[in-house]
């Protein structure tokens, strides 16, 4: 597999507390949009993307896996419909 699995065609809109998070890049995680290590069972280089939140923030995390600004949603899902 060279393309990620599309987990959803909408972003995950969440409020995150300060901390470090791991965004799923492969699309196979059962804990979308966060990594659950499913990438280890699929073909391709789909290591997760680490990101840090400094203060409580409401964010839009990509679930279609086609964003150009990982892990943030850039509305790339709209072109997939």
Protein backbone atom coordinates (compact mmCIF):
# COMPACT_ATOMS: atom_id res chain seq x y z
CA UNK A 1 0.00 0.00 0.00
CA UNK A 2 1.47 3.33 -1.00
CA UNK A 3 -1.56 5.50 -0.35
CA UNK A 4 -3.06 6.03 3.10
CA UNK A 5 -6.52 4.73 3.92
CA UNK A 6 -9.12 7.52 4.03
CA UNK A 7 -10.46 7.28 7.58
CA UNK A 8 -13.15 9.94 7.03
CA UNK A 9 -13.96 12.79 4.66
CA UNK A 10 -14.24 15.36 7.41
CA UNK A 11 -11.78 16.66 10.01
CA UNK A 12 -11.78 15.69 13.66
CA UNK A 13 -12.58 18.93 15.48
CA UNK A 14 -11.26 18.59 19.02
CA UNK A 15 -10.07 20.69 21.93
CA UNK A 16 -6.65 19.49 23.01
CA UNK A 17 -4.92 20.04 26.32
CA UNK A 18 -1.21 20.91 26.37
CA UNK A 19 0.89 17.88 25.55
CA UNK A 20 2.39 15.73 22.83
CA UNK A 21 0.19 13.80 20.41
CA UNK A 22 0.76 11.32 17.59
CA UNK A 23 -1.39 11.76 14.47
CA UNK A 24 -2.19 8.65 12.41
CA UNK A 25 -0.72 8.94 8.93
CA UNK A 26 -1.75 5.51 7.57
CA UNK A 27 -5.51 5.80 8.18
CA UNK A 28 -5.81 2.35 9.77
CA UNK A 29 -5.86 3.40 13.43
CA UNK A 30 -9.01 2.46 15.34
CA UNK A 31 -8.41 5.60 17.45
CA UNK A 32 -8.67 8.24 14.68
CA UNK A 33 -7.14 10.71 14.29
CA UNK A 34 -4.50 9.43 16.71
CA UNK A 35 -1.99 6.65 16.12
CA UNK A 36 -2.57 3.20 17.66
CA UNK A 37 0.49 1.62 15.94
CA UNK A 38 -1.59 0.12 13.11
CA UNK A 39 1.02 1.50 10.66
CA UNK A 40 3.28 -1.37 11.70
CA UNK A 41 0.93 -3.82 9.95
CA UNK A 42 0.54 -2.02 6.59
CA UNK A 43 2.93 -1.67 3.67
CA UNK A 44 4.55 1.72 3.16
CA UNK A 45 6.22 4.41 5.25
CA UNK A 46 3.37 5.61 7.42
CA UNK A 47 5.07 6.49 10.67
CA UNK A 48 2.90 8.79 12.81
CA UNK A 49 3.34 12.56 12.97
CA UNK A 50 4.28 13.91 16.39
CA UNK A 51 2.89 17.31 17.32
CA UNK A 52 2.84 19.38 20.49
CA UNK A 53 0.13 21.64 21.84
CA UNK A 54 1.40 24.42 24.13
CA UNK A 55 -1.96 25.64 25.46
CA UNK A 56 -5.54 24.39 25.32
CA UNK A 57 -6.53 24.77 21.69
CA UNK A 58 -9.42 23.80 19.44
CA UNK A 59 -8.00 22.21 16.27
CA UNK A 60 -9.09 20.49 13.06
CA UNK A 61 -7.11 17.28 12.56
CA UNK A 62 -7.09 15.63 9.14
CA UNK A 63 -8.78 12.24 8.81
CA UNK A 64 -8.65 11.90 5.00
CA UNK A 65 -4.84 11.68 5.21
CA UNK A 66 -4.38 13.84 2.10
CA UNK A 67 -3.62 17.19 3.78
CA UNK A 68 -0.52 19.06 2.70
CA UNK A 69 -0.19 20.41 6.26
CA UNK A 70 -0.03 17.26 8.43
CA UNK A 71 -1.66 16.82 10.92
CA UNK A 72 -3.92 19.84 10.32
CA UNK A 73 -6.94 19.72 8.02
CA UNK A 74 -6.51 21.87 4.91
CA UNK A 75 -9.87 20.80 3.43
CA UNK A 76 -8.22 18.34 1.00
CA UNK A 77 -11.13 15.98 1.80
CA UNK A 78 -13.43 18.18 -0.29
CA UNK A 79 -11.60 17.12 -3.45
CA UNK A 80 -12.05 13.42 -2.57
CA UNK A 81 -15.85 13.43 -2.64
